[in-house]
Amino acid sequence: MGKSEGKKDKAKVKAKKAGTGADAAAIREKPRKLPKRECCESKTKCGRCPLRMLKEGTLPEGYTVKKRKLVRVDGGKVTKKDLSRVA
């Protein structure tokens, strides 16, 4: 193993740590959090609060919040299975 081969390996390791390349994009992408069906009304909003997600714009498309409850825009019933498909 020569010096040039060792340098190439170190460069690959640095590139992975820096987050370049297609593999790093897949690693950085986190799964989206699913909103709760109902707000827990806590003073500090939790990470899955539908009110907070609506305000930030991270609520899945086709859903909104009415009276602190998650509802579908078309008036259908909200199920966990449907939420997992959308997110």
PDB file of N, CA and C in Angstrom:
ATOM      1  N   MET A   1       0.847  -1.177   0.000  1.00  0.00           N
ATOM      2  CA  MET A   1       0.000   0.000   0.000  1.00  0.00           C
ATOM      3  C   MET A   1       0.887   1.233   0.000  1.00  0.00           C
ATOM      4  N   GLY A   2       0.795   2.011  -1.029  1.00  0.00           N
ATOM      5  CA  GLY A   2       1.617   3.204  -1.159  1.00  0.00           C
ATOM      6  C   GLY A   2       0.981   4.401  -0.483  1.00  0.00           C
ATOM      7  N   LYS A   3       1.702   5.502  -0.484  1.00  0.00           N
ATOM      8  CA  LYS A   3       1.210   6.719   0.157  1.00  0.00           C
ATOM      9  C   LYS A   3      -0.016   7.285  -0.556  1.00  0.00           C
ATOM     10  N   SER A   4      -0.035   7.173  -1.880  1.00  0.00           N
ATOM     11  CA  SER A   4      -1.153   7.746  -2.633  1.00  0.00           C
ATOM     12  C   SER A   4      -2.455   7.005  -2.354  1.00  0.00           C
ATOM     13  N   GLU A   5      -2.396   5.696  -2.152  1.00  0.00           N
ATOM     14  CA  GLU A   5      -3.599   4.926  -1.857  1.00  0.00           C
ATOM     15  C   GLU A   5      -4.157   5.309  -0.482  1.00  0.00           C
ATOM     16  N   GLY A   6      -3.274   5.535   0.472  1.00  0.00           N
ATOM     17  CA  GLY A   6      -3.696   5.933   1.811  1.00  0.00           C
ATOM     18  C   GLY A   6      -4.375   7.288   1.790  1.00  0.00           C
ATOM     19  N   LYS A   7      -3.881   8.200   0.970  1.00  0.00           N
ATOM     20  CA  LYS A   7      -4.474   9.529   0.863  1.00  0.00           C
ATOM     21  C   LYS A   7      -5.860   9.458   0.244  1.00  0.00           C
ATOM     22  N   LYS A   8      -6.049   8.568  -0.733  1.00  0.00           N
ATOM     23  CA  LYS A   8      -7.356   8.427  -1.377  1.00  0.00           C
ATOM     24  C   LYS A   8      -8.384   7.922  -0.381  1.00  0.00           C
ATOM     25  N   ASP A   9      -7.975   6.946   0.435  1.00  0.00           N
ATOM     26  CA  ASP A   9      -8.894   6.411   1.439  1.00  0.00           C
ATOM     27  C   ASP A   9      -9.291   7.486   2.442  1.00  0.00           C
ATOM     28  N   LYS A  10      -8.340   8.288   2.860  1.00  0.00           N
ATOM     29  CA  LYS A  10      -8.628   9.363   3.812  1.00  0.00           C
ATOM     30  C   LYS A  10      -9.570  10.387   3.189  1.00  0.00           C
ATOM     31  N   ALA A  11      -9.402  10.658   1.909  1.00  0.00           N
ATOM     32  CA  ALA A  11     -10.272  11.613   1.215  1.00  0.00           C
ATOM     33  C   ALA A  11     -11.708  11.091   1.165  1.00  0.00           C
ATOM     34  N   LYS A  12     -11.864   9.785   0.936  1.00  0.00           N
ATOM     35  CA  LYS A  12     -13.198   9.200   0.905  1.00  0.00           C
ATOM     36  C   LYS A  12     -13.876   9.311   2.269  1.00  0.00           C
ATOM     37  N   VAL A  13     -13.111   9.049   3.323  1.00  0.00           N
ATOM     38  CA  VAL A  13     -13.656   9.118   4.678  1.00  0.00           C
ATOM     39  C   VAL A  13     -14.070  10.550   4.997  1.00  0.00           C
ATOM     40  N   LYS A  14     -13.249  11.524   4.619  1.00  0.00           N
ATOM     41  CA  LYS A  14     -13.566  12.929   4.863  1.00  0.00           C
ATOM     42  C   LYS A  14     -14.814  13.341   4.096  1.00  0.00           C
ATOM     43  N   ALA A  15     -14.943  12.877   2.860  1.00  0.00           N
ATOM     44  CA  ALA A  15     -16.112  13.217   2.043  1.00  0.00           C
ATOM     45  C   ALA A  15     -17.387  12.660   2.662  1.00  0.00           C
ATOM     46  N   LYS A  16     -17.306  11.447   3.211  1.00  0.00           N
ATOM     47  CA  LYS A  16     -18.477  10.858   3.852  1.00  0.00           C
ATOM     48  C   LYS A  16     -18.869  11.656   5.088  1.00  0.00           C
ATOM     49  N   LYS A  17     -17.862  12.038   5.869  1.00  0.00           N
ATOM     50  CA  LYS A  17     -18.136  12.807   7.080  1.00  0.00           C
ATOM     51  C   LYS A  17     -18.697  14.180   6.746  1.00  0.00           C
ATOM     52  N   ALA A  18     -18.221  14.790   5.667  1.00  0.00           N
ATOM     53  CA  ALA A  18     -18.672  16.119   5.274  1.00  0.00           C
ATOM     54  C   ALA A  18     -20.091  16.082   4.724  1.00  0.00           C
ATOM     55  N   GLY A  19     -20.519  14.921   4.248  1.00  0.00           N
ATOM     56  CA  GLY A  19     -21.883  14.812   3.755  1.00  0.00           C
ATOM     57  C   GLY A  19     -22.017  15.124   2.284  1.00  0.00           C
ATOM     58  N   THR A  20     -21.065  14.696   1.478  1.00  0.00           N
ATOM     59  CA  THR A  20     -21.165  14.902   0.042  1.00  0.00           C
ATOM     60  C   THR A  20     -21.494  13.582  -0.626  1.00  0.00           C
ATOM     61  N   GLY A  21     -22.152  13.649  -1.748  1.00  0.00           N
ATOM     62  CA  GLY A  21     -22.479  12.440  -2.486  1.00  0.00           C
ATOM     63  C   GLY A  21     -23.917  12.012  -2.281  1.00  0.00           C
ATOM     64  N   ALA A  22     -24.352  11.046  -3.065  1.00  0.00           N
ATOM     65  CA  ALA A  22     -25.736  10.576  -3.029  1.00  0.00           C
ATOM     66  C   ALA A  22     -26.044   9.812  -1.740  1.00  0.00           C
ATOM     67  N   ASP A  23     -25.056   9.069  -1.229  1.00  0.00           N
ATOM     68  CA  ASP A  23     -25.275   8.305   0.000  1.00  0.00           C
ATOM     69  C   ASP A  23     -25.560   9.231   1.177  1.00  0.00           C
ATOM     70  N   ALA A  24     -24.862  10.341   1.230  1.00  0.00           N
ATOM     71  CA  ALA A  24     -25.030  11.270   2.337  1.00  0.00           C
ATOM     72  C   ALA A  24     -26.410  11.914   2.301  1.00  0.00           C
ATOM     73  N   ALA A  25     -26.953  12.147   1.107  1.00  0.00           N
ATOM     74  CA  ALA A  25     -28.279  12.746   0.998  1.00  0.00           C
ATOM     75  C   ALA A  25     -29.334  11.825   1.590  1.00  0.00           C
ATOM     76  N   ALA A  26     -29.192  10.549   1.365  1.00  0.00           N
ATOM     77  CA  ALA A  26     -30.139   9.579   1.913  1.00  0.00           C
ATOM     78  C   ALA A  26     -30.016   9.498   3.429  1.00  0.00           C
ATOM     79  N   ILE A  27     -28.815   9.643   3.934  1.00  0.00           N
ATOM     80  CA  ILE A  27     -28.594   9.578   5.375  1.00  0.00           C
ATOM     81  C   ILE A  27     -29.174  10.805   6.063  1.00  0.00           C
ATOM     82  N   ARG A  28     -28.970  11.995   5.447  1.00  0.00           N
ATOM     83  CA  ARG A  28     -29.438  13.231   6.053  1.00  0.00           C
ATOM     84  C   ARG A  28     -30.951  13.343   6.076  1.00  0.00           C
ATOM     85  N   GLU A  29     -31.637  12.728   5.113  1.00  0.00           N
ATOM     86  CA  GLU A  29     -33.078  12.835   5.030  1.00  0.00           C
ATOM     87  C   GLU A  29     -33.726  12.039   6.157  1.00  0.00           C
ATOM     88  N   LYS A  30     -34.429  12.744   7.042  1.00  0.00           N
ATOM     89  CA  LYS A  30     -35.075  12.100   8.173  1.00  0.00           C
ATOM     90  C   LYS A  30     -36.520  11.781   7.799  1.00  0.00           C
ATOM     91  N   PRO A  31     -37.061  10.715   8.358  1.00  0.00           N
ATOM     92  CA  PRO A  31     -38.469  10.444   8.097  1.00  0.00           C
ATOM     93  C   PRO A  31     -39.333  11.532   8.731  1.00  0.00           C
ATOM     94  N   ARG A  32     -40.390  11.901   8.038  1.00  0.00           N
ATOM     95  CA  ARG A  32     -41.263  12.958   8.541  1.00  0.00           C
ATOM     96  C   ARG A  32     -42.060  12.464   9.733  1.00  0.00           C
ATOM     97  N   LYS A  33     -42.254  13.356  10.703  1.00  0.00           N
ATOM     98  CA  LYS A  33     -43.044  13.004  11.870  1.00  0.00           C
ATOM     99  C   LYS A  33     -44.520  13.079  11.506  1.00  0.00           C
ATOM    100  N   LEU A  34     -45.290  12.144  12.023  1.00  0.00           N
ATOM    101  CA  LEU A  34     -46.724  12.153  11.812  1.00  0.00           C
ATOM    102  C   LEU A  34     -47.374  13.017  12.881  1.00  0.00           C
ATOM    103  N   PRO A  35     -48.367  13.808  12.512  1.00  0.00           N
ATOM    104  CA  PRO A  35     -49.044  14.618  13.532  1.00  0.00           C
ATOM    105  C   PRO A  35     -49.954  13.766  14.402  1.00  0.00           C
ATOM    106  N   LYS A  36     -50.173  14.225  15.614  1.00  0.00           N
ATOM    107  CA  LYS A  36     -51.139  13.566  16.489  1.00  0.00           C
ATOM    108  C   LYS A  36     -52.537  13.870  15.957  1.00  0.00           C
ATOM    109  N   ARG A  37     -53.502  13.089  16.343  1.00  0.00           N
ATOM    110  CA  ARG A  37     -54.874  13.335  15.883  1.00  0.00           C
ATOM    111  C   ARG A  37     -55.530  14.469  16.648  1.00  0.00           C
ATOM    112  N   GLU A  38     -55.029  14.716  17.868  1.00  0.00           N
ATOM    113  CA  GLU A  38     -55.609  15.764  18.694  1.00  0.00           C
ATOM    114  C   GLU A  38     -54.501  16.463  19.476  1.00  0.00           C
ATOM    115  N   CYS A  39     -54.618  17.763  19.635  1.00  0.00           N
ATOM    116  CA  CYS A  39     -53.632  18.534  20.383  1.00  0.00           C
ATOM    117  C   CYS A  39     -53.750  18.204  21.864  1.00  0.00           C
ATOM    118  N   CYS A  40     -52.597  18.044  22.520  1.00  0.00           N
ATOM    119  CA  CYS A  40     -52.606  17.699  23.947  1.00  0.00           C
ATOM    120  C   CYS A  40     -52.749  18.946  24.821  1.00  0.00           C
ATOM    121  N   GLU A  41     -52.786  20.130  24.220  1.00  0.00           N
ATOM    122  CA  GLU A  41     -52.985  21.402  24.907  1.00  0.00           C
ATOM    123  C   GLU A  41     -51.909  21.726  25.934  1.00  0.00           C
ATOM    124  N   SER A  42     -50.719  21.188  25.765  1.00  0.00           N
ATOM    125  CA  SER A  42     -49.648  21.519  26.703  1.00  0.00           C
ATOM    126  C   SER A  42     -49.115  22.918  26.376  1.00  0.00           C
ATOM    127  N   LYS A  43     -48.574  23.569  27.367  1.00  0.00           N
ATOM    128  CA  LYS A  43     -48.051  24.927  27.203  1.00  0.00           C
ATOM    129  C   LYS A  43     -46.910  24.926  26.185  1.00  0.00           C
ATOM    130  N   THR A  44     -45.972  23.991  26.340  1.00  0.00           N
ATOM    131  CA  THR A  44     -44.882  23.858  25.371  1.00  0.00           C
ATOM    132  C   THR A  44     -45.313  22.824  24.350  1.00  0.00           C
ATOM    133  N   LYS A  45     -45.506  23.244  23.132  1.00  0.00           N
ATOM    134  CA  LYS A  45     -46.035  22.346  22.100  1.00  0.00           C
ATOM    135  C   LYS A  45     -45.041  21.231  21.794  1.00  0.00           C
ATOM    136  N   CYS A  46     -45.554  20.010  21.716  1.00  0.00           N
ATOM    137  CA  CYS A  46     -44.702  18.865  21.425  1.00  0.00           C
ATOM    138  C   CYS A  46     -44.332  18.861  19.938  1.00  0.00           C
ATOM    139  N   GLY A  47     -43.435  18.001  19.547  1.00  0.00           N
ATOM    140  CA  GLY A  47     -42.954  17.952  18.170  1.00  0.00           C
ATOM    141  C   GLY A  47     -43.984  17.476  17.173  1.00  0.00           C
ATOM    142  N   ARG A  48     -45.036  16.802  17.627  1.00  0.00           N
ATOM    143  CA  ARG A  48     -46.045  16.255  16.720  1.00  0.00           C
ATOM    144  C   ARG A  48     -47.381  16.974  16.829  1.00  0.00           C
ATOM    145  N   CYS A  49     -47.416  18.102  17.506  1.00  0.00           N
ATOM    146  CA  CYS A  49     -48.655  18.841  17.709  1.00  0.00           C
ATOM    147  C   CYS A  49     -49.201  19.327  16.363  1.00  0.00           C
ATOM    148  N   PRO A  50     -50.460  19.025  16.050  1.00  0.00           N
ATOM    149  CA  PRO A  50     -51.005  19.458  14.766  1.00  0.00           C
ATOM    150  C   PRO A  50     -51.073  20.976  14.626  1.00  0.00           C
ATOM    151  N   LEU A  51     -51.282  21.694  15.732  1.00  0.00           N
ATOM    152  CA  LEU A  51     -51.305  23.156  15.669  1.00  0.00           C
ATOM    153  C   LEU A  51     -49.942  23.715  15.284  1.00  0.00           C
ATOM    154  N   ARG A  52     -48.889  23.185  15.903  1.00  0.00           N
ATOM    155  CA  ARG A  52     -47.540  23.642  15.603  1.00  0.00           C
ATOM    156  C   ARG A  52     -47.165  23.290  14.172  1.00  0.00           C
ATOM    157  N   MET A  53     -47.514  22.074  13.742  1.00  0.00           N
ATOM    158  CA  MET A  53     -47.181  21.645  12.388  1.00  0.00           C
ATOM    159  C   MET A  53     -47.924  22.481  11.344  1.00  0.00           C
ATOM    160  N   LEU A  54     -49.166  22.874  11.641  1.00  0.00           N
ATOM    161  CA  LEU A  54     -49.931  23.725  10.728  1.00  0.00           C
ATOM    162  C   LEU A  54     -49.269  25.093  10.600  1.00  0.00           C
ATOM    163  N   LYS A  55     -48.828  25.630  11.721  1.00  0.00           N
ATOM    164  CA  LYS A  55     -48.189  26.943  11.725  1.00  0.00           C
ATOM    165  C   LYS A  55     -46.866  26.924  10.965  1.00  0.00           C
ATOM    166  N   GLU A  56     -46.088  25.846  11.142  1.00  0.00           N
ATOM    167  CA  GLU A  56     -44.789  25.733  10.466  1.00  0.00           C
ATOM    168  C   GLU A  56     -44.921  25.327   9.002  1.00  0.00           C
ATOM    169  N   GLY A  57     -46.078  24.781   8.636  1.00  0.00           N
ATOM    170  CA  GLY A  57     -46.274  24.337   7.262  1.00  0.00           C
ATOM    171  C   GLY A  57     -45.789  22.923   7.011  1.00  0.00           C
ATOM    172  N   THR A  58     -45.614  22.132   8.066  1.00  0.00           N
ATOM    173  CA  THR A  58     -45.136  20.756   7.922  1.00  0.00           C
ATOM    174  C   THR A  58     -46.269  19.736   8.002  1.00  0.00           C
ATOM    175  N   LEU A  59     -47.498  20.217   8.130  1.00  0.00           N
ATOM    176  CA  LEU A  59     -48.647  19.324   8.162  1.00  0.00           C
ATOM    177  C   LEU A  59     -48.831  18.715   6.777  1.00  0.00           C
ATOM    178  N   PRO A  60     -49.110  17.410   6.688  1.00  0.00           N
ATOM    179  CA  PRO A  60     -49.274  16.790   5.366  1.00  0.00           C
ATOM    180  C   PRO A  60     -50.376  17.472   4.548  1.00  0.00           C
ATOM    181  N   GLU A  61     -50.206  17.430   3.242  1.00  0.00           N
ATOM    182  CA  GLU A  61     -51.162  18.064   2.344  1.00  0.00           C
ATOM    183  C   GLU A  61     -52.522  17.377   2.449  1.00  0.00           C
ATOM    184  N   GLY A  62     -53.586  18.158   2.445  1.00  0.00           N
ATOM    185  CA  GLY A  62     -54.931  17.606   2.533  1.00  0.00           C
ATOM    186  C   GLY A  62     -55.468  17.537   3.951  1.00  0.00           C
ATOM    187  N   TYR A  63     -54.690  18.019   4.925  1.00  0.00           N
ATOM    188  CA  TYR A  63     -55.103  17.998   6.330  1.00  0.00           C
ATOM    189  C   TYR A  63     -55.088  19.411   6.894  1.00  0.00           C
ATOM    190  N   THR A  64     -55.957  19.660   7.861  1.00  0.00           N
ATOM    191  CA  THR A  64     -55.988  20.932   8.562  1.00  0.00           C
ATOM    192  C   THR A  64     -56.395  20.673  10.015  1.00  0.00           C
ATOM    193  N   VAL A  65     -56.484  21.734  10.816  1.00  0.00           N
ATOM    194  CA  VAL A  65     -56.829  21.606  12.230  1.00  0.00           C
ATOM    195  C   VAL A  65     -58.065  22.444  12.520  1.00  0.00           C
ATOM    196  N   LYS A  66     -59.055  21.817  13.159  1.00  0.00           N
ATOM    197  CA  LYS A  66     -60.256  22.532  13.584  1.00  0.00           C
ATOM    198  C   LYS A  66     -60.557  22.127  15.016  1.00  0.00           C
ATOM    199  N   LYS A  67     -60.728  23.117  15.880  1.00  0.00           N
ATOM    200  CA  LYS A  67     -61.008  22.886  17.298  1.00  0.00           C
ATOM    201  C   LYS A  67     -59.986  21.955  17.925  1.00  0.00           C
ATOM    202  N   ARG A  68     -58.707  22.197  17.632  1.00  0.00           N
ATOM    203  CA  ARG A  68     -57.567  21.443  18.170  1.00  0.00           C
ATOM    204  C   ARG A  68     -57.534  19.979  17.744  1.00  0.00           C
ATOM    205  N   LYS A  69     -58.301  19.618  16.723  1.00  0.00           N
ATOM    206  CA  LYS A  69     -58.299  18.250  16.217  1.00  0.00           C
ATOM    207  C   LYS A  69     -57.886  18.239  14.755  1.00  0.00           C
ATOM    208  N   LEU A  70     -57.145  17.206  14.372  1.00  0.00           N
ATOM    209  CA  LEU A  70     -56.703  17.042  12.999  1.00  0.00           C
ATOM    210  C   LEU A  70     -57.874  16.537  12.159  1.00  0.00           C
ATOM    211  N   VAL A  71     -58.146  17.214  11.049  1.00  0.00           N
ATOM    212  CA  VAL A  71     -59.229  16.811  10.158  1.00  0.00           C
ATOM    213  C   VAL A  71     -58.741  16.845   8.720  1.00  0.00           C
ATOM    214  N   ARG A  72     -59.420  16.083   7.865  1.00  0.00           N
ATOM    215  CA  ARG A  72     -59.097  16.120   6.447  1.00  0.00           C
ATOM    216  C   ARG A  72     -59.879  17.245   5.796  1.00  0.00           C
ATOM    217  N   VAL A  73     -59.285  17.843   4.777  1.00  0.00           N
ATOM    218  CA  VAL A  73     -59.917  18.956   4.093  1.00  0.00           C
ATOM    219  C   VAL A  73     -61.203  18.502   3.402  1.00  0.00           C
ATOM    220  N   ASP A  74     -61.215  17.282   2.871  1.00  0.00           N
ATOM    221  CA  ASP A  74     -62.389  16.789   2.165  1.00  0.00           C
ATOM    222  C   ASP A  74     -63.490  16.279   3.105  1.00  0.00           C
ATOM    223  N   GLY A  75     -63.253  16.322   4.411  1.00  0.00           N
ATOM    224  CA  GLY A  75     -64.265  15.928   5.381  1.00  0.00           C
ATOM    225  C   GLY A  75     -64.246  14.464   5.753  1.00  0.00           C
ATOM    226  N   GLY A  76     -63.296  13.690   5.231  1.00  0.00           N
ATOM    227  CA  GLY A  76     -63.194  12.269   5.554  1.00  0.00           C
ATOM    228  C   GLY A  76     -62.617  12.036   6.934  1.00  0.00           C
ATOM    229  N   LYS A  77     -62.616  10.774   7.343  1.00  0.00           N
ATOM    230  CA  LYS A  77     -62.109  10.395   8.655  1.00  0.00           C
ATOM    231  C   LYS A  77     -60.587  10.295   8.628  1.00  0.00           C
ATOM    232  N   VAL A  78     -59.937  10.752   9.688  1.00  0.00           N
ATOM    233  CA  VAL A  78     -58.481  10.697   9.807  1.00  0.00           C
ATOM    234  C   VAL A  78     -58.094   9.371  10.434  1.00  0.00           C
ATOM    235  N   THR A  79     -57.254   8.581   9.729  1.00  0.00           N
ATOM    236  CA  THR A  79     -56.766   7.322  10.272  1.00  0.00           C
ATOM    237  C   THR A  79     -55.243   7.317  10.255  1.00  0.00           C
ATOM    238  N   LYS A  80     -54.657   6.523  11.136  1.00  0.00           N
ATOM    239  CA  LYS A  80     -53.196   6.426  11.187  1.00  0.00           C
ATOM    240  C   LYS A  80     -52.640   5.881   9.883  1.00  0.00           C
ATOM    241  N   LYS A  81     -53.351   4.958   9.293  1.00  0.00           N
ATOM    242  CA  LYS A  81     -52.908   4.336   8.046  1.00  0.00           C
ATOM    243  C   LYS A  81     -52.820   5.380   6.919  1.00  0.00           C
ATOM    244  N   ASP A  82     -53.836   6.241   6.824  1.00  0.00           N
ATOM    245  CA  ASP A  82     -53.821   7.296   5.810  1.00  0.00           C
ATOM    246  C   ASP A  82     -52.699   8.289   6.068  1.00  0.00           C
ATOM    247  N   LEU A  83     -52.491   8.623   7.344  1.00  0.00           N
ATOM    248  CA  LEU A  83     -51.420   9.569   7.688  1.00  0.00           C
ATOM    249  C   LEU A  83     -50.052   9.028   7.313  1.00  0.00           C
ATOM    250  N   SER A  84     -49.833   7.742   7.555  1.00  0.00           N
ATOM    251  CA  SER A  84     -48.533   7.160   7.256  1.00  0.00           C
ATOM    252  C   SER A  84     -48.291   7.124   5.744  1.00  0.00           C
ATOM    253  N   ARG A  85     -49.341   6.972   4.951  1.00  0.00           N
ATOM    254  CA  ARG A  85     -49.195   6.998   3.494  1.00  0.00           C
ATOM    255  C   ARG A  85     -48.820   8.391   2.995  1.00  0.00           C
ATOM    256  N   VAL A  86     -49.435   9.416   3.577  1.00  0.00           N
ATOM    257  CA  VAL A  86     -49.212  10.793   3.142  1.00  0.00           C
ATOM    258  C   VAL A  86     -47.815  11.268   3.533  1.00  0.00           C
ATOM    259  N   ALA A  87     -47.415  10.952   4.748  1.00  0.00           N
ATOM    260  CA  ALA A  87     -46.104  11.413   5.238  1.00  0.00           C
ATOM    261  C   ALA A  87     -45.049  10.479   4.772  1.00  0.00           C
TER     262      ALA A  87
END
